[in-house]
Amino acid sequence: MTLKRVAELANVSVSTASKALKNSFDVSEETRRRVIAAAEECGYFGEKKRISAENRKSSELNIAVVCPEVISPHYSAMVESITTAANKLSYNVVVYNASFDTERYLKILASCFENTKIDAVINLSGYGKDINFGKTPHIVFGKEHPYGSHIFTNLEYGFELIKSANPHWKKVCFASEKLTTSKEASFHNVFVAGEVIVGDGRFENAGISIARKLLEMGSLPDAVICAYDEIAFGLIDTLQKRGISIPDDVEVVGINNVSATKWAFGGVSTLGFNHNEIFDDVLADITSDIKSKSITNREYLITSQFIKRNTTK
């Protein structure tokens, strides 16, 4: 598919079509959108990617990883797992940080689709799951993807692991923050009578505010499950400074098994996800799709593990 055909479909000159696809400043946004729509319609980007990939060695393939945020040790660890798997194949990894900004996320995904040097996209969020990347492998984390593959965790199963390991719990709270509300439904499906407490701020600051709210309630729950390990850190530190014994007075569990959980407070109990075990398969399947020039929809399950340490009995 030629640039001339794109220009014809967009009803512009070849020169204008070329400028629009290069984001030239002297082409209006309306014209640019019309040219991109025409290019998508006729498969121009897919053809350019195919030619670009065929003209490069397999060791030069580029995998884009679009990340909600890089400040989180959880996402940083996933990026590291992807990079480790890609390095085994001598692939390049390009990381984009969307900062949990939906508009920015969609712009990054669109630019990856248009970029002829991006051969596959691993999207560590459900944002943009409805974008059709054509022949470009697109793997989305967390949600079923109509145009590609998806990676998911069974969080309810993870909560079941925690519950079965602690049958003595009667009153359980879930410590959440503004970006973890999606986990609340899974918590309630397992701990039906459990209470959700949303903290102010993020990470450790959310844990600090939740600890203060618990202390104001007058009676502590048997256990608090925190949406992030970092929330658990702030919660435990604040409770201990107020004379509350962990785990004698209240037990605490984090989620994600970040590296610091092994050492903080003598070891924080946590729900871990074994994402290291899947990315070799993901990269092998991406390679297969690129070589076959076709997309196979697949699903990858990241298994869960409850890791008992010093913050639970």
C-alpha atoms as a PDB file:
ATOM      1  CA  MET A   1       0.000   0.000   0.000  1.00  0.00           C
ATOM      2  CA  THR A   2       1.578   3.259  -1.178  1.00  0.00           C
ATOM      3  CA  LEU A   3       1.582   6.781   0.200  1.00  0.00           C
ATOM      4  CA  LYS A   4      -0.104   7.840  -3.046  1.00  0.00           C
ATOM      5  CA  ARG A   5      -3.099   5.626  -2.237  1.00  0.00           C
ATOM      6  CA  VAL A   6      -3.337   7.126   1.256  1.00  0.00           C
ATOM      7  CA  ALA A   7      -3.308  10.620  -0.254  1.00  0.00           C
ATOM      8  CA  GLU A   8      -6.081   9.668  -2.686  1.00  0.00           C
ATOM      9  CA  LEU A   9      -8.292   8.285   0.097  1.00  0.00           C
ATOM     10  CA  ALA A  10      -7.730  11.408   2.223  1.00  0.00           C
ATOM     11  CA  ASN A  11      -8.225  13.707  -0.784  1.00  0.00           C
ATOM     12  CA  VAL A  12      -4.902  15.474  -0.241  1.00  0.00           C
ATOM     13  CA  SER A  13      -1.637  15.699  -2.120  1.00  0.00           C
ATOM     14  CA  VAL A  14       1.124  13.131  -1.605  1.00  0.00           C
ATOM     15  CA  SER A  15       3.238  15.876  -0.054  1.00  0.00           C
ATOM     16  CA  THR A  16       0.504  16.772   2.445  1.00  0.00           C
ATOM     17  CA  ALA A  17      -0.056  13.121   3.311  1.00  0.00           C
ATOM     18  CA  SER A  18       3.663  12.686   3.965  1.00  0.00           C
ATOM     19  CA  LYS A  19       3.770  15.776   6.198  1.00  0.00           C
ATOM     20  CA  ALA A  20       0.678  14.673   8.106  1.00  0.00           C
ATOM     21  CA  LEU A  21       2.187  11.264   8.860  1.00  0.00           C
ATOM     22  CA  LYS A  22       5.366  12.966  10.086  1.00  0.00           C
ATOM     23  CA  ASN A  23       3.401  15.308  12.397  1.00  0.00           C
ATOM     24  CA  SER A  24       4.600  18.361  10.494  1.00  0.00           C
ATOM     25  CA  PHE A  25       3.560  21.656  12.106  1.00  0.00           C
ATOM     26  CA  ASP A  26       2.234  23.120   8.842  1.00  0.00           C
ATOM     27  CA  VAL A  27      -0.557  20.512   8.508  1.00  0.00           C
ATOM     28  CA  SER A  28      -3.804  21.134  10.372  1.00  0.00           C
ATOM     29  CA  GLU A  29      -5.000  18.668  13.012  1.00  0.00           C
ATOM     30  CA  GLU A  30      -8.135  17.979  10.981  1.00  0.00           C
ATOM     31  CA  THR A  31      -6.072  17.076   7.890  1.00  0.00           C
ATOM     32  CA  ARG A  32      -3.709  14.949   9.949  1.00  0.00           C
ATOM     33  CA  ARG A  33      -6.613  12.974  11.437  1.00  0.00           C
ATOM     34  CA  ARG A  34      -8.101  12.455   7.980  1.00  0.00           C
ATOM     35  CA  VAL A  35      -4.787  11.179   6.613  1.00  0.00           C
ATOM     36  CA  ILE A  36      -4.248   8.838   9.568  1.00  0.00           C
ATOM     37  CA  ALA A  37      -7.791   7.491   9.219  1.00  0.00           C
ATOM     38  CA  ALA A  38      -7.145   6.824   5.531  1.00  0.00           C
ATOM     39  CA  ALA A  39      -3.826   5.156   6.351  1.00  0.00           C
ATOM     40  CA  GLU A  40      -5.490   2.914   8.936  1.00  0.00           C
ATOM     41  CA  GLU A  41      -8.330   2.067   6.569  1.00  0.00           C
ATOM     42  CA  CYS A  42      -6.071   0.862   3.786  1.00  0.00           C
ATOM     43  CA  GLY A  43      -3.551  -0.914   6.019  1.00  0.00           C
ATOM     44  CA  TYR A  44      -0.704   1.491   5.291  1.00  0.00           C
ATOM     45  CA  PHE A  45       0.806   1.272   8.779  1.00  0.00           C
ATOM     46  CA  GLY A  46       0.691  -2.507   8.795  1.00  0.00           C
ATOM     47  CA  GLU A  47       2.418  -2.659   5.422  1.00  0.00           C
ATOM     48  CA  LYS A  48       5.090  -0.181   6.526  1.00  0.00           C
ATOM     49  CA  LYS A  49       5.687  -2.209   9.685  1.00  0.00           C
ATOM     50  CA  ARG A  50       5.968  -5.412   7.662  1.00  0.00           C
ATOM     51  CA  ILE A  51       8.523  -3.908   5.280  1.00  0.00           C
ATOM     52  CA  SER A  52      10.408  -2.293   8.154  1.00  0.00           C
ATOM     53  CA  ALA A  53      10.577  -5.571  10.100  1.00  0.00           C
ATOM     54  CA  GLU A  54      11.650  -7.568   7.042  1.00  0.00           C
ATOM     55  CA  ASN A  55      14.455  -5.095   6.336  1.00  0.00           C
ATOM     56  CA  ARG A  56      15.814  -5.470   9.869  1.00  0.00           C
ATOM     57  CA  LYS A  57      17.376  -8.441  11.564  1.00  0.00           C
ATOM     58  CA  SER A  58      15.231 -10.227  14.139  1.00  0.00           C
ATOM     59  CA  SER A  59      17.632  -8.985  16.806  1.00  0.00           C
ATOM     60  CA  GLU A  60      16.569  -5.430  15.958  1.00  0.00           C
ATOM     61  CA  LEU A  61      12.885  -5.936  16.726  1.00  0.00           C
ATOM     62  CA  ASN A  62      11.446  -3.354  19.114  1.00  0.00           C
ATOM     63  CA  ILE A  63       8.889  -4.104  21.823  1.00  0.00           C
ATOM     64  CA  ALA A  64       6.999  -1.123  23.282  1.00  0.00           C
ATOM     65  CA  VAL A  65       5.936  -1.456  26.920  1.00  0.00           C
ATOM     66  CA  VAL A  66       3.284   1.104  27.863  1.00  0.00           C
ATOM     67  CA  CYS A  67       3.247   1.453  31.639  1.00  0.00           C
ATOM     68  CA  PRO A  68       0.654   3.230  33.840  1.00  0.00           C
ATOM     69  CA  GLU A  69       3.456   4.569  36.046  1.00  0.00           C
ATOM     70  CA  VAL A  70       7.102   3.820  36.741  1.00  0.00           C
ATOM     71  CA  ILE A  71       7.188   5.055  40.346  1.00  0.00           C
ATOM     72  CA  SER A  72       5.424   1.853  41.448  1.00  0.00           C
ATOM     73  CA  PRO A  73       7.817  -1.024  42.278  1.00  0.00           C
ATOM     74  CA  HIS A  74       5.110  -3.410  41.022  1.00  0.00           C
ATOM     75  CA  TYR A  75       5.112  -2.012  37.489  1.00  0.00           C
ATOM     76  CA  SER A  76       8.875  -1.519  37.522  1.00  0.00           C
ATOM     77  CA  ALA A  77       9.287  -5.205  38.384  1.00  0.00           C
ATOM     78  CA  MET A  78       7.008  -6.190  35.485  1.00  0.00           C
ATOM     79  CA  VAL A  79       9.018  -4.036  33.083  1.00  0.00           C
ATOM     80  CA  GLU A  80      12.181  -5.715  34.357  1.00  0.00           C
ATOM     81  CA  SER A  81      10.633  -9.168  33.749  1.00  0.00           C
ATOM     82  CA  ILE A  82       9.695  -8.176  30.192  1.00  0.00           C
ATOM     83  CA  THR A  83      13.161  -6.744  29.555  1.00  0.00           C
ATOM     84  CA  THR A  84      14.826  -9.906  30.856  1.00  0.00           C
ATOM     85  CA  ALA A  85      12.720 -12.059  28.514  1.00  0.00           C
ATOM     86  CA  ALA A  86      13.387  -9.700  25.574  1.00  0.00           C
ATOM     87  CA  ASN A  87      17.134  -9.683  26.232  1.00  0.00           C
ATOM     88  CA  LYS A  88      17.230 -13.453  25.773  1.00  0.00           C
ATOM     89  CA  LEU A  89      16.069 -12.860  22.192  1.00  0.00           C
ATOM     90  CA  SER A  90      18.237  -9.743  21.742  1.00  0.00           C
ATOM     91  CA  TYR A  91      15.094  -7.633  21.296  1.00  0.00           C
ATOM     92  CA  ASN A  92      14.955  -3.958  22.203  1.00  0.00           C
ATOM     93  CA  VAL A  93      12.451  -2.698  24.784  1.00  0.00           C
ATOM     94  CA  VAL A  94      11.098   0.850  24.715  1.00  0.00           C
ATOM     95  CA  VAL A  95       9.202   1.921  27.854  1.00  0.00           C
ATOM     96  CA  TYR A  96       6.515   4.629  27.816  1.00  0.00           C
ATOM     97  CA  ASN A  97       5.182   6.127  31.048  1.00  0.00           C
ATOM     98  CA  ALA A  98       1.534   7.224  30.828  1.00  0.00           C
ATOM     99  CA  SER A  99       1.301   8.455  34.455  1.00  0.00           C
ATOM    100  CA  PHE A 100      -2.263   7.073  34.777  1.00  0.00           C
ATOM    101  CA  ASP A 101      -3.414   9.766  32.338  1.00  0.00           C
ATOM    102  CA  THR A 102      -6.050   8.224  30.044  1.00  0.00           C
ATOM    103  CA  GLU A 103      -5.605  10.763  27.246  1.00  0.00           C
ATOM    104  CA  ARG A 104      -1.835  10.406  27.351  1.00  0.00           C
ATOM    105  CA  TYR A 105      -2.190   6.619  27.384  1.00  0.00           C
ATOM    106  CA  LEU A 106      -4.311   6.631  24.232  1.00  0.00           C
ATOM    107  CA  LYS A 107      -1.918   9.021  22.465  1.00  0.00           C
ATOM    108  CA  ILE A 108       1.033   6.776  23.296  1.00  0.00           C
ATOM    109  CA  LEU A 109      -0.801   3.704  21.995  1.00  0.00           C
ATOM    110  CA  ALA A 110      -1.754   5.517  18.794  1.00  0.00           C
ATOM    111  CA  SER A 111       1.839   6.627  18.262  1.00  0.00           C
ATOM    112  CA  CYS A 112       3.061   3.052  18.780  1.00  0.00           C
ATOM    113  CA  PHE A 113       0.593   1.880  16.146  1.00  0.00           C
ATOM    114  CA  GLU A 114       1.809   4.505  13.675  1.00  0.00           C
ATOM    115  CA  ASN A 115       5.519   4.008  14.409  1.00  0.00           C
ATOM    116  CA  THR A 116       6.981   1.620  11.823  1.00  0.00           C
ATOM    117  CA  LYS A 117       9.838   0.740  14.165  1.00  0.00           C
ATOM    118  CA  ILE A 118       7.542  -0.616  16.889  1.00  0.00           C
ATOM    119  CA  ASP A 119       6.937  -4.299  16.192  1.00  0.00           C
ATOM    120  CA  ALA A 120       4.742  -5.206  19.186  1.00  0.00           C
ATOM    121  CA  VAL A 121       3.080  -3.519  22.156  1.00  0.00           C
ATOM    122  CA  ILE A 122       2.735  -4.855  25.702  1.00  0.00           C
ATOM    123  CA  ASN A 123       0.168  -2.650  27.394  1.00  0.00           C
ATOM    124  CA  LEU A 124       0.293  -2.934  31.202  1.00  0.00           C
ATOM    125  CA  SER A 125      -3.217  -1.549  31.611  1.00  0.00           C
ATOM    126  CA  GLY A 126      -6.726  -2.007  30.245  1.00  0.00           C
ATOM    127  CA  TYR A 127      -6.618   1.418  28.594  1.00  0.00           C
ATOM    128  CA  GLY A 128      -6.960   1.225  24.824  1.00  0.00           C
ATOM    129  CA  LYS A 129      -8.036  -2.414  24.778  1.00  0.00           C
ATOM    130  CA  ASP A 130     -10.471  -1.627  21.940  1.00  0.00           C
ATOM    131  CA  ILE A 131      -7.769  -0.248  19.635  1.00  0.00           C
ATOM    132  CA  ASN A 132      -7.219  -2.465  16.604  1.00  0.00           C
ATOM    133  CA  PHE A 133      -3.478  -2.663  15.940  1.00  0.00           C
ATOM    134  CA  GLY A 134      -3.961  -4.675  12.771  1.00  0.00           C
ATOM    135  CA  LYS A 135      -0.967  -6.966  12.270  1.00  0.00           C
ATOM    136  CA  THR A 136       0.946  -5.469  15.186  1.00  0.00           C
ATOM    137  CA  PRO A 137       0.863  -7.831  18.207  1.00  0.00           C
ATOM    138  CA  HIS A 138      -0.863  -6.020  21.079  1.00  0.00           C
ATOM    139  CA  ILE A 139      -0.978  -7.633  24.527  1.00  0.00           C
ATOM    140  CA  VAL A 140      -3.144  -5.961  27.175  1.00  0.00           C
ATOM    141  CA  PHE A 141      -2.865  -6.490  30.919  1.00  0.00           C
ATOM    142  CA  GLY A 142      -5.959  -7.151  32.985  1.00  0.00           C
ATOM    143  CA  LYS A 143      -8.837  -7.201  30.508  1.00  0.00           C
ATOM    144  CA  GLU A 144      -9.966  -9.433  27.671  1.00  0.00           C
ATOM    145  CA  HIS A 145      -8.797  -7.906  24.413  1.00  0.00           C
ATOM    146  CA  PRO A 146     -10.921  -8.222  21.243  1.00  0.00           C
ATOM    147  CA  TYR A 147      -8.000  -7.453  18.915  1.00  0.00           C
ATOM    148  CA  GLY A 148      -5.141  -9.250  20.618  1.00  0.00           C
ATOM    149  CA  SER A 149      -3.966 -11.163  23.660  1.00  0.00           C
ATOM    150  CA  HIS A 150      -4.401 -10.390  27.334  1.00  0.00           C
ATOM    151  CA  ILE A 151      -2.523 -11.052  30.562  1.00  0.00           C
ATOM    152  CA  PHE A 152      -4.529 -11.379  33.749  1.00  0.00           C
ATOM    153  CA  THR A 153      -4.406 -12.302  37.406  1.00  0.00           C
ATOM    154  CA  ASN A 154      -7.237 -14.022  39.254  1.00  0.00           C
ATOM    155  CA  LEU A 155      -7.384 -11.651  42.200  1.00  0.00           C
ATOM    156  CA  GLU A 156     -10.375 -13.398  43.757  1.00  0.00           C
ATOM    157  CA  TYR A 157      -8.351 -16.597  43.866  1.00  0.00           C
ATOM    158  CA  GLY A 158      -5.579 -14.624  45.557  1.00  0.00           C
ATOM    159  CA  PHE A 159      -7.982 -13.376  48.230  1.00  0.00           C
ATOM    160  CA  GLU A 160      -9.185 -16.967  48.677  1.00  0.00           C
ATOM    161  CA  LEU A 161      -5.578 -18.021  49.324  1.00  0.00           C
ATOM    162  CA  ILE A 162      -5.285 -15.350  52.024  1.00  0.00           C
ATOM    163  CA  LYS A 163      -8.613 -16.334  53.576  1.00  0.00           C
ATOM    164  CA  SER A 164      -7.895 -20.064  53.660  1.00  0.00           C
ATOM    165  CA  ALA A 165      -4.498 -19.430  55.282  1.00  0.00           C
ATOM    166  CA  ASN A 166      -6.122 -17.319  58.033  1.00  0.00           C
ATOM    167  CA  PRO A 167      -9.417 -18.995  59.037  1.00  0.00           C
ATOM    168  CA  HIS A 168      -9.306 -17.345  62.473  1.00  0.00           C
ATOM    169  CA  TRP A 169     -10.081 -13.896  61.029  1.00  0.00           C
ATOM    170  CA  LYS A 170     -13.577 -12.625  61.816  1.00  0.00           C
ATOM    171  CA  LYS A 171     -13.383  -8.920  60.963  1.00  0.00           C
ATOM    172  CA  VAL A 172     -11.315  -7.950  57.916  1.00  0.00           C
ATOM    173  CA  CYS A 173     -10.750  -4.535  56.308  1.00  0.00           C
ATOM    174  CA  PHE A 174      -9.395  -3.673  52.877  1.00  0.00           C
ATOM    175  CA  ALA A 175      -7.059  -0.671  52.753  1.00  0.00           C
ATOM    176  CA  SER A 176      -7.499   1.040  49.398  1.00  0.00           C
ATOM    177  CA  GLU A 177      -6.594   4.282  47.648  1.00  0.00           C
ATOM    178  CA  LYS A 178      -7.913   6.213  44.672  1.00  0.00           C
ATOM    179  CA  LEU A 179      -6.258   4.020  42.016  1.00  0.00           C
ATOM    180  CA  THR A 180      -7.080   0.636  43.558  1.00  0.00           C
ATOM    181  CA  THR A 181     -10.886   0.682  43.580  1.00  0.00           C
ATOM    182  CA  SER A 182     -11.006  -2.087  40.950  1.00  0.00           C
ATOM    183  CA  LYS A 183      -9.688  -4.507  43.592  1.00  0.00           C
ATOM    184  CA  GLU A 184     -12.544  -3.780  45.986  1.00  0.00           C
ATOM    185  CA  ALA A 185     -15.120  -5.936  44.157  1.00  0.00           C
ATOM    186  CA  SER A 186     -12.790  -8.960  44.264  1.00  0.00           C
ATOM    187  CA  PHE A 187     -12.232  -8.370  47.985  1.00  0.00           C
ATOM    188  CA  HIS A 188     -15.980  -8.207  48.693  1.00  0.00           C
ATOM    189  CA  ASN A 189     -16.636 -11.372  46.691  1.00  0.00           C
ATOM    190  CA  VAL A 190     -14.398 -13.287  49.105  1.00  0.00           C
ATOM    191  CA  PHE A 191     -14.713 -11.301  52.348  1.00  0.00           C
ATOM    192  CA  VAL A 192     -18.417 -10.578  52.019  1.00  0.00           C
ATOM    193  CA  ALA A 193     -18.742  -8.689  55.297  1.00  0.00           C
ATOM    194  CA  GLY A 194     -15.410  -6.934  54.935  1.00  0.00           C
ATOM    195  CA  GLU A 195     -15.115  -3.153  55.110  1.00  0.00           C
ATOM    196  CA  VAL A 196     -13.242  -0.986  52.623  1.00  0.00           C
ATOM    197  CA  ILE A 197     -11.340   2.037  53.918  1.00  0.00           C
ATOM    198  CA  VAL A 198      -9.969   4.446  51.306  1.00  0.00           C
ATOM    199  CA  GLY A 199      -6.888   6.393  52.266  1.00  0.00           C
ATOM    200  CA  ASP A 200      -5.852   9.922  51.396  1.00  0.00           C
ATOM    201  CA  GLY A 201      -2.886  10.244  49.066  1.00  0.00           C
ATOM    202  CA  ARG A 202      -1.024   7.305  47.572  1.00  0.00           C
ATOM    203  CA  PHE A 203       1.275   4.482  48.618  1.00  0.00           C
ATOM    204  CA  GLU A 204       2.670   4.944  52.162  1.00  0.00           C
ATOM    205  CA  ASN A 205       0.674   8.164  52.697  1.00  0.00           C
ATOM    206  CA  ALA A 206      -2.550   6.265  52.025  1.00  0.00           C
ATOM    207  CA  GLY A 207      -1.509   3.688  54.615  1.00  0.00           C
ATOM    208  CA  ILE A 208      -0.787   6.390  57.185  1.00  0.00           C
ATOM    209  CA  SER A 209      -4.228   7.978  56.730  1.00  0.00           C
ATOM    210  CA  ILE A 210      -5.980   4.581  56.869  1.00  0.00           C
ATOM    211  CA  ALA A 211      -4.174   3.723  60.124  1.00  0.00           C
ATOM    212  CA  ARG A 212      -5.423   6.977  61.632  1.00  0.00           C
ATOM    213  CA  LYS A 213      -8.967   6.198  60.488  1.00  0.00           C
ATOM    214  CA  LEU A 214      -8.755   2.737  62.070  1.00  0.00           C
ATOM    215  CA  LEU A 215      -7.596   4.222  65.361  1.00  0.00           C
ATOM    216  CA  GLU A 216     -10.498   6.686  65.315  1.00  0.00           C
ATOM    217  CA  MET A 217     -12.963   3.791  64.915  1.00  0.00           C
ATOM    218  CA  GLY A 218     -12.224   2.633  68.451  1.00  0.00           C
ATOM    219  CA  SER A 219     -11.910  -1.088  67.738  1.00  0.00           C
ATOM    220  CA  LEU A 220      -9.413  -2.637  65.390  1.00  0.00           C
ATOM    221  CA  PRO A 221     -10.247  -5.385  62.882  1.00  0.00           C
ATOM    222  CA  ASP A 222      -8.569  -8.776  63.108  1.00  0.00           C
ATOM    223  CA  ALA A 223      -6.729  -8.070  59.880  1.00  0.00           C
ATOM    224  CA  VAL A 224      -6.143  -5.443  57.204  1.00  0.00           C
ATOM    225  CA  ILE A 225      -5.420  -6.432  53.609  1.00  0.00           C
ATOM    226  CA  CYS A 226      -3.702  -3.576  51.769  1.00  0.00           C
ATOM    227  CA  ALA A 227      -4.111  -2.966  48.036  1.00  0.00           C
ATOM    228  CA  TYR A 228      -0.352  -2.302  47.744  1.00  0.00           C
ATOM    229  CA  ASP A 229       2.584  -3.389  49.903  1.00  0.00           C
ATOM    230  CA  GLU A 230       3.499   0.302  50.188  1.00  0.00           C
ATOM    231  CA  ILE A 231       0.124   1.010  51.811  1.00  0.00           C
ATOM    232  CA  ALA A 232       0.934  -1.742  54.304  1.00  0.00           C
ATOM    233  CA  PHE A 233       4.270  -0.077  55.117  1.00  0.00           C
ATOM    234  CA  GLY A 234       2.641   3.251  56.013  1.00  0.00           C
ATOM    235  CA  LEU A 235      -0.152   1.523  57.931  1.00  0.00           C
ATOM    236  CA  ILE A 236       2.160  -0.690  60.019  1.00  0.00           C
ATOM    237  CA  ASP A 237       4.563   2.133  60.858  1.00  0.00           C
ATOM    238  CA  THR A 238       1.757   4.416  62.038  1.00  0.00           C
ATOM    239  CA  LEU A 239       0.026   1.721  64.126  1.00  0.00           C
ATOM    240  CA  GLN A 240       3.260   0.636  65.783  1.00  0.00           C
ATOM    241  CA  LYS A 241       4.099   4.226  66.714  1.00  0.00           C
ATOM    242  CA  ARG A 242       0.726   4.347  68.500  1.00  0.00           C
ATOM    243  CA  GLY A 243       1.560   1.230  70.499  1.00  0.00           C
ATOM    244  CA  ILE A 244      -0.367  -1.266  68.371  1.00  0.00           C
ATOM    245  CA  SER A 245       1.355  -4.646  68.085  1.00  0.00           C
ATOM    246  CA  ILE A 246       1.585  -6.299  64.664  1.00  0.00           C
ATOM    247  CA  PRO A 247       0.421  -9.091  64.411  1.00  0.00           C
ATOM    248  CA  ASP A 248      -0.815  -9.538  68.005  1.00  0.00           C
ATOM    249  CA  ASP A 249      -3.359  -6.677  67.920  1.00  0.00           C
ATOM    250  CA  VAL A 250      -4.000  -6.618  64.170  1.00  0.00           C
ATOM    251  CA  GLU A 251      -2.588  -8.659  61.295  1.00  0.00           C
ATOM    252  CA  VAL A 252      -1.548  -6.997  58.046  1.00  0.00           C
ATOM    253  CA  VAL A 253      -1.170  -8.332  54.502  1.00  0.00           C
ATOM    254  CA  GLY A 254       0.091  -6.428  51.461  1.00  0.00           C
ATOM    255  CA  ILE A 255      -0.296  -7.134  47.764  1.00  0.00           C
ATOM    256  CA  ASN A 256       2.410  -7.415  45.039  1.00  0.00           C
ATOM    257  CA  ASN A 257       5.366  -8.848  47.014  1.00  0.00           C
ATOM    258  CA  VAL A 258       7.718  -5.965  46.230  1.00  0.00           C
ATOM    259  CA  SER A 259      11.304  -6.647  47.274  1.00  0.00           C
ATOM    260  CA  ALA A 260      11.116  -4.545  50.457  1.00  0.00           C
ATOM    261  CA  THR A 261       8.467  -6.855  51.958  1.00  0.00           C
ATOM    262  CA  LYS A 262      11.215  -9.369  52.745  1.00  0.00           C
ATOM    263  CA  TRP A 263      12.973  -6.927  55.061  1.00  0.00           C
ATOM    264  CA  ALA A 264      10.489  -4.315  56.339  1.00  0.00           C
ATOM    265  CA  PHE A 265       9.171  -4.894  59.869  1.00  0.00           C
ATOM    266  CA  GLY A 266      10.849  -8.284  59.975  1.00  0.00           C
ATOM    267  CA  GLY A 267       8.974  -9.365  56.856  1.00  0.00           C
ATOM    268  CA  VAL A 268       5.514  -8.321  55.643  1.00  0.00           C
ATOM    269  CA  SER A 269       3.009 -11.014  54.629  1.00  0.00           C
ATOM    270  CA  THR A 270       1.869 -10.411  51.070  1.00  0.00           C
ATOM    271  CA  LEU A 271       0.078 -11.733  48.010  1.00  0.00           C
ATOM    272  CA  GLY A 272       2.633 -12.169  45.236  1.00  0.00           C
ATOM    273  CA  PHE A 273       2.191 -12.600  41.489  1.00  0.00           C
ATOM    274  CA  ASN A 274       4.577 -14.821  39.547  1.00  0.00           C
ATOM    275  CA  HIS A 275       4.853 -12.691  36.414  1.00  0.00           C
ATOM    276  CA  ASN A 276       8.443 -13.813  35.749  1.00  0.00           C
ATOM    277  CA  GLU A 277       7.125 -17.160  34.551  1.00  0.00           C
ATOM    278  CA  ILE A 278       4.986 -15.892  31.647  1.00  0.00           C
ATOM    279  CA  PHE A 279       6.998 -13.333  29.697  1.00  0.00           C
ATOM    280  CA  ASP A 280       9.247 -15.863  27.974  1.00  0.00           C
ATOM    281  CA  ASP A 281       6.049 -17.333  26.505  1.00  0.00           C
ATOM    282  CA  VAL A 282       4.687 -13.881  25.646  1.00  0.00           C
ATOM    283  CA  LEU A 283       7.842 -12.923  23.730  1.00  0.00           C
ATOM    284  CA  ALA A 284       7.957 -16.304  21.955  1.00  0.00           C
ATOM    285  CA  ASP A 285       4.336 -15.839  20.829  1.00  0.00           C
ATOM    286  CA  ILE A 286       5.049 -12.275  19.691  1.00  0.00           C
ATOM    287  CA  THR A 287       7.903 -13.642  17.581  1.00  0.00           C
ATOM    288  CA  SER A 288       5.578 -16.246  16.098  1.00  0.00           C
ATOM    289  CA  ASP A 289       2.954 -13.625  15.208  1.00  0.00           C
ATOM    290  CA  ILE A 290       5.513 -11.319  13.595  1.00  0.00           C
ATOM    291  CA  LYS A 291       6.933 -14.147  11.496  1.00  0.00           C
ATOM    292  CA  SER A 292       3.504 -15.437  10.427  1.00  0.00           C
ATOM    293  CA  LYS A 293       2.183 -11.897   9.815  1.00  0.00           C
ATOM    294  CA  SER A 294      -1.012 -12.842  11.653  1.00  0.00           C
ATOM    295  CA  ILE A 295      -2.385 -12.279  15.143  1.00  0.00           C
ATOM    296  CA  THR A 296      -3.431 -15.143  17.410  1.00  0.00           C
ATOM    297  CA  ASN A 297      -5.488 -14.121  20.434  1.00  0.00           C
ATOM    298  CA  ARG A 298      -4.091 -15.728  23.564  1.00  0.00           C
ATOM    299  CA  GLU A 299      -4.499 -15.370  27.304  1.00  0.00           C
ATOM    300  CA  TYR A 300      -1.780 -15.587  29.922  1.00  0.00           C
ATOM    301  CA  LEU A 301      -2.536 -16.211  33.600  1.00  0.00           C
ATOM    302  CA  ILE A 302      -0.185 -14.806  36.208  1.00  0.00           C
ATOM    303  CA  THR A 303      -0.483 -17.164  39.165  1.00  0.00           C
ATOM    304  CA  SER A 304      -0.821 -15.935  42.748  1.00  0.00           C
ATOM    305  CA  GLN A 305       0.941 -16.981  45.940  1.00  0.00           C
ATOM    306  CA  PHE A 306       0.242 -16.032  49.561  1.00  0.00           C
ATOM    307  CA  ILE A 307       3.575 -15.435  51.304  1.00  0.00           C
ATOM    308  CA  LYS A 308       3.300 -15.631  55.077  1.00  0.00           C
ATOM    309  CA  ARG A 309       5.775 -13.546  57.050  1.00  0.00           C
ATOM    310  CA  ASN A 310       5.898 -11.777  60.427  1.00  0.00           C
ATOM    311  CA  THR A 311       2.820  -9.548  60.080  1.00  0.00           C
ATOM    312  CA  THR A 312       0.369 -12.477  60.251  1.00  0.00           C
ATOM    313  CA  LYS A 313       0.094 -15.174  62.939  1.00  0.00           C
END
